[in-house]
Amino acid sequence: MENSTDHAEQVVDDLSAFKLAFRRLAAGVSAVTARDPDGRPVGFTATSLASLAAVPPLATFNMARVSSAWRAIEQTDHVIIHMLGSRNRRVAEIMAGDHDHRFDGDHWAPGPLGLPVLKDVPAWMLGRIVGRYPVHENAVIVVQIEDGSLGDTDEALLYHERTFLRPGDPA
């Protein structure tokens, strides 16, 4: 029997191993928005959103401290976390694109506390930042959910192999 690793891409170092492996892990797509200290909207896509606890309702996301949104996240008390569905693929691309143009257009509106809320998403939550934990050049952000809203249901939006996808048939 042939070994399944015989034809696998060879990993040459720790960084390559990490990048190659995580490209193969499908992840849900969310977007985090806030306002910077000057009041401008900022945001980014995140594939690291996770629930931390139900009581109290806590969630986490990770981000690079060199991110264009870091200054806002570092200095604000609240963020909006959006769960994106397949109908939001274009919004995910915008929020992952050029940071100077992420809020050009009518895909968002001011929401609670004046924070940017992306339109037509399956769900969003207002979170109060309760912890910022620097790890090397990155940070784990912990938020306590204070409010939120459900939109219309939608198929999931996944990020896999550097592409936004809709799930296929059940396994």
N, C-alpha and C. Protein backbone atom coordinates (compact mmCIF):
# COMPACT_ATOMS: atom_id res chain seq x y z
N MET A 1 0.84 -1.18 0.00
CA MET A 1 0.00 0.00 0.00
C MET A 1 0.89 1.24 0.00
N GLU A 2 0.53 2.19 -0.83
CA GLU A 2 1.33 3.41 -0.97
C GLU A 2 1.04 4.35 0.20
N ASN A 3 2.08 4.95 0.74
CA ASN A 3 1.95 5.89 1.84
C ASN A 3 1.32 7.17 1.31
N SER A 4 0.28 7.69 2.00
CA SER A 4 -0.42 8.89 1.52
C SER A 4 0.45 10.13 1.58
N THR A 5 1.56 10.09 2.30
CA THR A 5 2.43 11.26 2.37
C THR A 5 3.48 11.26 1.26
N ASP A 6 3.55 10.18 0.46
CA ASP A 6 4.55 10.12 -0.60
C ASP A 6 4.41 11.26 -1.60
N HIS A 7 3.17 11.69 -1.87
CA HIS A 7 2.94 12.72 -2.87
C HIS A 7 2.58 14.06 -2.24
N ALA A 8 2.64 14.15 -0.93
CA ALA A 8 2.29 15.39 -0.24
C ALA A 8 3.37 16.44 -0.47
N GLU A 9 2.95 17.69 -0.41
CA GLU A 9 3.89 18.79 -0.52
C GLU A 9 4.85 18.72 0.66
N GLN A 10 6.14 18.84 0.40
CA GLN A 10 7.13 18.72 1.45
C GLN A 10 7.20 20.01 2.27
N VAL A 11 7.22 19.86 3.56
CA VAL A 11 7.33 20.98 4.48
C VAL A 11 8.79 21.14 4.84
N VAL A 12 9.31 22.34 4.68
CA VAL A 12 10.73 22.55 4.90
C VAL A 12 11.06 23.28 6.19
N ASP A 13 10.09 23.95 6.78
CA ASP A 13 10.36 24.67 8.03
C ASP A 13 9.05 24.90 8.78
N ASP A 14 9.16 25.45 9.98
CA ASP A 14 7.99 25.65 10.82
C ASP A 14 6.97 26.61 10.22
N LEU A 15 7.42 27.69 9.61
CA LEU A 15 6.50 28.65 9.00
C LEU A 15 5.75 28.03 7.83
N SER A 16 6.46 27.29 6.98
CA SER A 16 5.81 26.62 5.86
C SER A 16 4.80 25.59 6.37
N ALA A 17 5.19 24.82 7.37
CA ALA A 17 4.27 23.82 7.93
C ALA A 17 3.00 24.49 8.43
N PHE A 18 3.15 25.58 9.14
CA PHE A 18 2.01 26.31 9.68
C PHE A 18 1.10 26.82 8.56
N LYS A 19 1.68 27.55 7.60
CA LYS A 19 0.88 28.13 6.52
C LYS A 19 0.19 27.08 5.68
N LEU A 20 0.91 26.06 5.30
CA LEU A 20 0.33 25.02 4.45
C LEU A 20 -0.78 24.27 5.16
N ALA A 21 -0.59 23.96 6.42
CA ALA A 21 -1.61 23.23 7.17
C ALA A 21 -2.86 24.07 7.39
N PHE A 22 -2.70 25.32 7.81
CA PHE A 22 -3.87 26.14 8.11
C PHE A 22 -4.64 26.56 6.87
N ARG A 23 -4.01 26.57 5.70
CA ARG A 23 -4.76 26.81 4.46
C ARG A 23 -5.79 25.72 4.22
N ARG A 24 -5.53 24.55 4.77
CA ARG A 24 -6.42 23.41 4.56
C ARG A 24 -7.51 23.30 5.62
N LEU A 25 -7.49 24.18 6.59
CA LEU A 25 -8.52 24.19 7.63
C LEU A 25 -9.59 25.21 7.24
N ALA A 26 -10.76 24.73 6.87
CA ALA A 26 -11.86 25.64 6.54
C ALA A 26 -12.30 26.36 7.80
N ALA A 27 -12.57 27.65 7.68
CA ALA A 27 -12.98 28.44 8.84
C ALA A 27 -14.15 29.33 8.45
N GLY A 28 -15.03 29.55 9.40
CA GLY A 28 -16.11 30.50 9.20
C GLY A 28 -15.54 31.91 9.07
N VAL A 29 -16.29 32.77 8.39
CA VAL A 29 -15.81 34.13 8.14
C VAL A 29 -16.69 35.11 8.91
N SER A 30 -16.03 35.97 9.64
CA SER A 30 -16.72 37.05 10.34
C SER A 30 -16.01 38.35 9.99
N ALA A 31 -16.61 39.45 10.37
CA ALA A 31 -15.98 40.76 10.20
C ALA A 31 -16.14 41.50 11.52
N VAL A 32 -15.10 42.21 11.89
CA VAL A 32 -15.09 43.00 13.12
C VAL A 32 -14.99 44.46 12.71
N THR A 33 -15.86 45.31 13.28
CA THR A 33 -15.81 46.73 12.98
C THR A 33 -15.73 47.54 14.26
N ALA A 34 -15.18 48.73 14.14
CA ALA A 34 -15.03 49.64 15.27
C ALA A 34 -14.87 51.06 14.71
N ARG A 35 -14.57 51.98 15.57
CA ARG A 35 -14.21 53.34 15.18
C ARG A 35 -12.82 53.62 15.73
N ASP A 36 -11.98 54.29 14.93
CA ASP A 36 -10.66 54.63 15.42
C ASP A 36 -10.77 55.85 16.34
N PRO A 37 -9.70 56.23 17.01
CA PRO A 37 -9.77 57.37 17.94
C PRO A 37 -10.23 58.67 17.29
N ASP A 38 -10.11 58.79 15.96
CA ASP A 38 -10.57 59.98 15.25
C ASP A 38 -12.01 59.85 14.78
N GLY A 39 -12.66 58.71 15.08
CA GLY A 39 -14.05 58.51 14.72
C GLY A 39 -14.29 57.86 13.37
N ARG A 40 -13.22 57.52 12.65
CA ARG A 40 -13.37 56.86 11.35
C ARG A 40 -13.67 55.38 11.52
N PRO A 41 -14.54 54.84 10.66
CA PRO A 41 -14.82 53.40 10.76
C PRO A 41 -13.62 52.58 10.32
N VAL A 42 -13.40 51.48 11.02
CA VAL A 42 -12.35 50.52 10.67
C VAL A 42 -12.96 49.13 10.78
N GLY A 43 -12.35 48.19 10.08
CA GLY A 43 -12.83 46.83 10.17
C GLY A 43 -11.93 45.87 9.43
N PHE A 44 -12.18 44.58 9.64
CA PHE A 44 -11.38 43.55 8.99
C PHE A 44 -12.14 42.24 9.03
N THR A 45 -11.77 41.31 8.16
CA THR A 45 -12.33 39.97 8.23
C THR A 45 -11.53 39.18 9.25
N ALA A 46 -12.21 38.23 9.88
CA ALA A 46 -11.56 37.38 10.87
C ALA A 46 -12.05 35.95 10.68
N THR A 47 -11.12 35.03 10.66
CA THR A 47 -11.49 33.61 10.61
C THR A 47 -11.19 32.94 11.96
N SER A 48 -10.88 33.76 12.94
CA SER A 48 -10.50 33.24 14.26
C SER A 48 -11.59 33.41 15.31
N LEU A 49 -12.77 33.87 14.93
CA LEU A 49 -13.84 34.08 15.91
C LEU A 49 -14.21 32.77 16.59
N ALA A 50 -14.34 32.82 17.90
CA ALA A 50 -14.74 31.62 18.66
C ALA A 50 -15.53 32.05 19.88
N SER A 51 -16.47 31.20 20.28
CA SER A 51 -17.16 31.44 21.55
C SER A 51 -16.21 30.99 22.66
N LEU A 52 -16.21 31.72 23.74
CA LEU A 52 -15.36 31.38 24.88
C LEU A 52 -16.21 30.86 26.04
N ALA A 53 -17.36 31.49 26.27
CA ALA A 53 -18.24 31.07 27.35
C ALA A 53 -19.65 31.55 27.07
N ALA A 54 -20.63 30.83 27.59
CA ALA A 54 -22.02 31.26 27.45
C ALA A 54 -22.44 32.17 28.61
N VAL A 55 -21.87 31.92 29.79
CA VAL A 55 -22.22 32.72 30.97
C VAL A 55 -20.93 33.14 31.65
N PRO A 56 -20.54 34.41 31.60
CA PRO A 56 -21.16 35.44 30.77
C PRO A 56 -20.85 35.18 29.30
N PRO A 57 -21.62 35.78 28.38
CA PRO A 57 -21.39 35.53 26.96
C PRO A 57 -20.10 36.19 26.48
N LEU A 58 -19.08 35.36 26.25
CA LEU A 58 -17.77 35.84 25.84
C LEU A 58 -17.38 35.22 24.51
N ALA A 59 -16.70 36.01 23.69
CA ALA A 59 -16.16 35.55 22.41
C ALA A 59 -14.73 36.05 22.28
N THR A 60 -13.96 35.41 21.41
CA THR A 60 -12.59 35.83 21.15
C THR A 60 -12.36 35.94 19.66
N PHE A 61 -11.42 36.78 19.29
CA PHE A 61 -10.88 36.81 17.93
C PHE A 61 -9.42 37.21 18.04
N ASN A 62 -8.67 36.89 17.02
CA ASN A 62 -7.24 37.18 16.99
C ASN A 62 -6.96 38.19 15.90
N MET A 63 -5.90 38.95 16.09
CA MET A 63 -5.50 39.88 15.04
C MET A 63 -4.02 40.22 15.17
N ALA A 64 -3.46 40.67 14.07
CA ALA A 64 -2.07 41.12 14.06
C ALA A 64 -2.01 42.54 14.61
N ARG A 65 -1.03 42.80 15.46
CA ARG A 65 -0.88 44.15 16.01
C ARG A 65 -0.28 45.12 15.01
N VAL A 66 0.06 44.64 13.82
CA VAL A 66 0.50 45.53 12.73
C VAL A 66 -0.66 45.83 11.79
N SER A 67 -1.82 45.28 12.06
CA SER A 67 -3.02 45.50 11.25
C SER A 67 -3.39 46.98 11.25
N SER A 68 -3.97 47.42 10.14
CA SER A 68 -4.43 48.81 10.06
C SER A 68 -5.52 49.10 11.09
N ALA A 69 -6.22 48.09 11.58
CA ALA A 69 -7.29 48.28 12.56
C ALA A 69 -6.80 48.17 14.01
N TRP A 70 -5.55 47.79 14.22
CA TRP A 70 -5.07 47.57 15.59
C TRP A 70 -5.20 48.80 16.46
N ARG A 71 -4.84 49.96 15.96
CA ARG A 71 -4.90 51.19 16.76
C ARG A 71 -6.32 51.39 17.32
N ALA A 72 -7.32 51.15 16.49
CA ALA A 72 -8.70 51.30 16.95
C ALA A 72 -9.04 50.25 18.00
N ILE A 73 -8.70 48.99 17.73
CA ILE A 73 -9.03 47.91 18.67
C ILE A 73 -8.29 48.10 19.99
N GLU A 74 -7.10 48.61 19.91
CA GLU A 74 -6.30 48.85 21.11
C GLU A 74 -6.89 49.96 21.98
N GLN A 75 -7.56 50.93 21.35
CA GLN A 75 -8.00 52.11 22.08
C GLN A 75 -9.51 52.24 22.26
N THR A 76 -10.29 51.29 21.76
CA THR A 76 -11.74 51.39 21.90
C THR A 76 -12.24 50.43 22.97
N ASP A 77 -13.47 50.66 23.40
CA ASP A 77 -14.09 49.77 24.37
C ASP A 77 -15.03 48.77 23.72
N HIS A 78 -15.56 49.08 22.53
CA HIS A 78 -16.58 48.25 21.90
C HIS A 78 -16.28 47.97 20.43
N VAL A 79 -16.74 46.81 19.99
CA VAL A 79 -16.66 46.41 18.59
C VAL A 79 -17.99 45.77 18.20
N ILE A 80 -18.21 45.69 16.90
CA ILE A 80 -19.32 44.90 16.38
C ILE A 80 -18.71 43.70 15.66
N ILE A 81 -19.19 42.52 16.00
CA ILE A 81 -18.76 41.29 15.34
C ILE A 81 -19.90 40.82 14.46
N HIS A 82 -19.61 40.60 13.18
CA HIS A 82 -20.61 40.19 12.20
C HIS A 82 -20.33 38.77 11.75
N MET A 83 -21.35 37.92 11.76
CA MET A 83 -21.23 36.61 11.16
C MET A 83 -21.63 36.78 9.69
N LEU A 84 -20.76 36.38 8.79
CA LEU A 84 -21.04 36.55 7.36
C LEU A 84 -21.56 35.26 6.77
N GLY A 85 -22.48 35.39 5.83
CA GLY A 85 -23.02 34.26 5.10
C GLY A 85 -22.57 34.31 3.65
N SER A 86 -22.97 33.33 2.87
CA SER A 86 -22.52 33.27 1.48
C SER A 86 -22.95 34.49 0.68
N ARG A 87 -24.10 35.10 1.02
CA ARG A 87 -24.53 36.30 0.30
C ARG A 87 -23.62 37.50 0.60
N ASN A 88 -22.78 37.39 1.63
CA ASN A 88 -21.88 38.47 2.03
C ASN A 88 -20.47 38.31 1.48
N ARG A 89 -20.29 37.45 0.50
CA ARG A 89 -18.95 37.22 -0.04
C ARG A 89 -18.29 38.52 -0.50
N ARG A 90 -19.02 39.36 -1.20
CA ARG A 90 -18.44 40.62 -1.69
C ARG A 90 -18.02 41.51 -0.51
N VAL A 91 -18.84 41.55 0.53
CA VAL A 91 -18.50 42.34 1.71
C VAL A 91 -17.24 41.78 2.37
N ALA A 92 -17.12 40.45 2.43
CA ALA A 92 -15.91 39.84 2.99
C ALA A 92 -14.69 40.26 2.18
N GLU A 93 -14.81 40.28 0.87
CA GLU A 93 -13.70 40.70 0.02
C GLU A 93 -13.35 42.17 0.26
N ILE A 94 -14.37 43.01 0.41
CA ILE A 94 -14.13 44.43 0.69
C ILE A 94 -13.42 44.59 2.03
N MET A 95 -13.90 43.88 3.05
CA MET A 95 -13.33 44.02 4.39
C MET A 95 -11.93 43.40 4.50
N ALA A 96 -11.57 42.54 3.55
CA ALA A 96 -10.23 41.97 3.51
C ALA A 96 -9.32 42.76 2.58
N GLY A 97 -9.89 43.72 1.86
CA GLY A 97 -9.13 44.48 0.86
C GLY A 97 -8.46 45.72 1.44
N ASP A 98 -8.23 46.68 0.58
CA ASP A 98 -7.55 47.93 0.92
C ASP A 98 -8.27 48.62 2.09
N HIS A 99 -7.56 48.81 3.19
CA HIS A 99 -8.18 49.38 4.39
C HIS A 99 -8.72 50.78 4.17
N ASP A 100 -8.19 51.51 3.21
CA ASP A 100 -8.68 52.87 2.94
C ASP A 100 -10.04 52.87 2.26
N HIS A 101 -10.48 51.73 1.74
CA HIS A 101 -11.73 51.69 0.98
C HIS A 101 -12.76 50.71 1.56
N ARG A 102 -12.53 50.20 2.75
CA ARG A 102 -13.44 49.20 3.33
C ARG A 102 -14.83 49.76 3.65
N PHE A 103 -14.93 51.07 3.78
CA PHE A 103 -16.23 51.66 4.10
C PHE A 103 -16.73 52.58 3.01
N ASP A 104 -16.17 52.44 1.81
CA ASP A 104 -16.73 53.11 0.64
C ASP A 104 -17.98 52.35 0.22
N GLY A 105 -19.07 53.03 0.01
CA GLY A 105 -20.28 52.35 -0.45
C GLY A 105 -21.35 52.29 0.62
N ASP A 106 -22.43 51.61 0.28
CA ASP A 106 -23.60 51.57 1.16
C ASP A 106 -23.81 50.20 1.82
N HIS A 107 -22.75 49.42 1.99
CA HIS A 107 -22.86 48.09 2.61
C HIS A 107 -22.84 48.14 4.13
N TRP A 108 -22.88 49.34 4.71
CA TRP A 108 -22.86 49.48 6.16
C TRP A 108 -23.65 50.72 6.57
N ALA A 109 -23.95 50.81 7.84
CA ALA A 109 -24.63 51.97 8.41
C ALA A 109 -24.21 52.09 9.87
N PRO A 110 -24.31 53.30 10.42
CA PRO A 110 -24.01 53.44 11.85
C PRO A 110 -25.01 52.63 12.68
N GLY A 111 -24.50 51.96 13.71
CA GLY A 111 -25.34 51.15 14.59
C GLY A 111 -25.18 51.58 16.03
N PRO A 112 -25.32 50.65 16.96
CA PRO A 112 -25.18 50.99 18.38
C PRO A 112 -23.84 51.68 18.67
N LEU A 113 -23.91 52.69 19.50
CA LEU A 113 -22.73 53.48 19.89
C LEU A 113 -22.06 54.13 18.69
N GLY A 114 -22.76 54.23 17.56
CA GLY A 114 -22.20 54.82 16.35
C GLY A 114 -21.25 53.90 15.61
N LEU A 115 -21.15 52.64 16.04
CA LEU A 115 -20.23 51.70 15.41
C LEU A 115 -20.78 51.23 14.06
N PRO A 116 -19.90 50.94 13.11
CA PRO A 116 -20.36 50.48 11.80
C PRO A 116 -20.98 49.08 11.86
N VAL A 117 -22.19 48.96 11.35
CA VAL A 117 -22.86 47.67 11.24
C VAL A 117 -22.99 47.34 9.75
N LEU A 118 -22.49 46.17 9.37
CA LEU A 118 -22.60 45.72 7.99
C LEU A 118 -24.03 45.27 7.73
N LYS A 119 -24.55 45.66 6.58
CA LYS A 119 -25.94 45.37 6.24
C LYS A 119 -26.12 43.93 5.77
N ASP A 120 -27.31 43.40 5.99
CA ASP A 120 -27.77 42.13 5.44
C ASP A 120 -26.89 40.94 5.84
N VAL A 121 -26.42 40.94 7.08
CA VAL A 121 -25.64 39.81 7.58
C VAL A 121 -26.56 38.87 8.37
N PRO A 122 -26.22 37.59 8.48
CA PRO A 122 -27.05 36.66 9.25
C PRO A 122 -27.14 37.00 10.74
N ALA A 123 -26.10 37.62 11.29
CA ALA A 123 -26.12 38.01 12.70
C ALA A 123 -25.00 39.00 12.97
N TRP A 124 -25.22 39.85 13.95
CA TRP A 124 -24.15 40.71 14.46
C TRP A 124 -24.31 40.82 15.97
N MET A 125 -23.19 41.12 16.64
CA MET A 125 -23.18 41.26 18.09
C MET A 125 -22.32 42.46 18.48
N LEU A 126 -22.83 43.22 19.44
CA LEU A 126 -22.06 44.30 20.05
C LEU A 126 -21.26 43.69 21.19
N GLY A 127 -19.96 43.89 21.18
CA GLY A 127 -19.11 43.34 22.23
C GLY A 127 -18.29 44.41 22.92
N ARG A 128 -18.22 44.31 24.23
CA ARG A 128 -17.35 45.19 25.02
C ARG A 128 -16.03 44.46 25.24
N ILE A 129 -14.94 45.09 24.87
CA ILE A 129 -13.62 44.46 25.03
C ILE A 129 -13.29 44.35 26.51
N VAL A 130 -13.04 43.11 26.96
CA VAL A 130 -12.69 42.88 28.36
C VAL A 130 -11.25 42.39 28.52
N GLY A 131 -10.58 42.13 27.40
CA GLY A 131 -9.19 41.71 27.48
C GLY A 131 -8.49 41.78 26.14
N ARG A 132 -7.25 42.24 26.19
CA ARG A 132 -6.36 42.26 25.02
C ARG A 132 -5.08 41.57 25.47
N TYR A 133 -4.74 40.46 24.83
CA TYR A 133 -3.61 39.67 25.27
C TYR A 133 -2.57 39.58 24.16
N PRO A 134 -1.52 40.41 24.23
CA PRO A 134 -0.47 40.38 23.21
C PRO A 134 0.28 39.04 23.23
N VAL A 135 0.51 38.51 22.06
CA VAL A 135 1.30 37.29 21.88
C VAL A 135 2.18 37.54 20.65
N HIS A 136 3.48 37.72 20.89
CA HIS A 136 4.41 38.10 19.83
C HIS A 136 3.87 39.33 19.12
N GLU A 137 3.70 39.30 17.81
CA GLU A 137 3.22 40.47 17.05
C GLU A 137 1.70 40.45 16.87
N ASN A 138 1.01 39.63 17.63
CA ASN A 138 -0.43 39.45 17.48
C ASN A 138 -1.11 39.68 18.82
N ALA A 139 -2.44 39.54 18.83
CA ALA A 139 -3.18 39.68 20.08
C ALA A 139 -4.44 38.83 20.02
N VAL A 140 -4.82 38.32 21.17
CA VAL A 140 -6.10 37.67 21.36
C VAL A 140 -6.99 38.71 22.04
N ILE A 141 -8.15 38.96 21.45
CA ILE A 141 -9.09 39.94 21.99
C ILE A 141 -10.29 39.18 22.55
N VAL A 142 -10.67 39.50 23.79
CA VAL A 142 -11.83 38.88 24.42
C VAL A 142 -12.90 39.95 24.57
N VAL A 143 -14.11 39.62 24.14
CA VAL A 143 -15.23 40.56 24.25
C VAL A 143 -16.38 39.91 24.99
N GLN A 144 -17.09 40.73 25.76
CA GLN A 144 -18.34 40.28 26.38
C GLN A 144 -19.48 40.84 25.54
N ILE A 145 -20.35 39.95 25.10
CA ILE A 145 -21.45 40.34 24.22
C ILE A 145 -22.50 41.08 25.04
N GLU A 146 -22.91 42.25 24.53
CA GLU A 146 -23.89 43.08 25.23
C GLU A 146 -25.20 43.23 24.47
N ASP A 147 -25.19 42.98 23.16
CA ASP A 147 -26.38 43.18 22.35
C ASP A 147 -26.14 42.48 21.03
N GLY A 148 -27.16 42.42 20.21
CA GLY A 148 -27.00 41.82 18.90
C GLY A 148 -28.31 41.73 18.17
N SER A 149 -28.25 41.22 16.95
CA SER A 149 -29.44 41.09 16.14
C SER A 149 -29.24 39.98 15.12
N LEU A 150 -30.33 39.30 14.78
CA LEU A 150 -30.30 38.29 13.74
C LEU A 150 -30.89 38.86 12.46
N GLY A 151 -30.27 38.52 11.34
CA GLY A 151 -30.81 38.85 10.03
C GLY A 151 -31.39 37.59 9.43
N ASP A 152 -31.61 37.61 8.13
CA ASP A 152 -32.11 36.43 7.44
C ASP A 152 -31.05 35.33 7.47
N THR A 153 -31.50 34.08 7.54
CA THR A 153 -30.57 32.96 7.52
C THR A 153 -29.89 32.90 6.16
N ASP A 154 -28.76 32.23 6.12
CA ASP A 154 -27.97 32.11 4.90
C ASP A 154 -27.06 30.90 5.03
N GLU A 155 -26.58 30.42 3.91
CA GLU A 155 -25.55 29.38 3.95
C GLU A 155 -24.28 29.99 4.51
N ALA A 156 -23.47 29.14 5.12
CA ALA A 156 -22.21 29.61 5.71
C ALA A 156 -21.27 30.14 4.62
N LEU A 157 -20.40 31.03 5.03
CA LEU A 157 -19.30 31.48 4.19
C LEU A 157 -18.04 30.96 4.86
N LEU A 158 -17.25 30.20 4.10
CA LEU A 158 -16.02 29.62 4.62
C LEU A 158 -14.81 30.21 3.91
N TYR A 159 -13.70 30.18 4.60
CA TYR A 159 -12.42 30.56 4.00
C TYR A 159 -11.55 29.30 4.01
N HIS A 160 -11.13 28.89 2.82
CA HIS A 160 -10.36 27.65 2.67
C HIS A 160 -9.44 27.79 1.48
N GLU A 161 -8.17 27.42 1.67
CA GLU A 161 -7.18 27.50 0.60
C GLU A 161 -7.17 28.89 -0.05
N ARG A 162 -7.26 29.94 0.81
CA ARG A 162 -7.21 31.35 0.40
C ARG A 162 -8.38 31.79 -0.46
N THR A 163 -9.52 31.13 -0.33
CA THR A 163 -10.70 31.45 -1.13
C THR A 163 -11.93 31.45 -0.25
N PHE A 164 -12.84 32.38 -0.50
CA PHE A 164 -14.14 32.39 0.17
C PHE A 164 -15.04 31.41 -0.56
N LEU A 165 -15.66 30.48 0.20
CA LEU A 165 -16.47 29.41 -0.39
C LEU A 165 -17.77 29.23 0.36
N ARG A 166 -18.72 28.62 -0.32
CA ARG A 166 -19.96 28.15 0.28
C ARG A 166 -19.80 26.65 0.49
N PRO A 167 -20.28 26.10 1.62
CA PRO A 167 -20.11 24.65 1.84
C PRO A 167 -20.80 23.85 0.74
N GLY A 168 -20.23 22.69 0.46
CA GLY A 168 -20.82 21.79 -0.54
C GLY A 168 -21.77 20.81 0.10
N ASP A 169 -21.93 19.67 -0.52
CA ASP A 169 -22.81 18.63 -0.02
C ASP A 169 -22.31 18.11 1.31
N PRO A 170 -23.24 17.64 2.17
CA PRO A 170 -22.81 17.05 3.45
C PRO A 170 -21.89 15.86 3.21
N ALA A 171 -20.96 15.69 4.11
CA ALA A 171 -19.99 14.58 4.00
C ALA A 171 -20.64 13.26 4.30
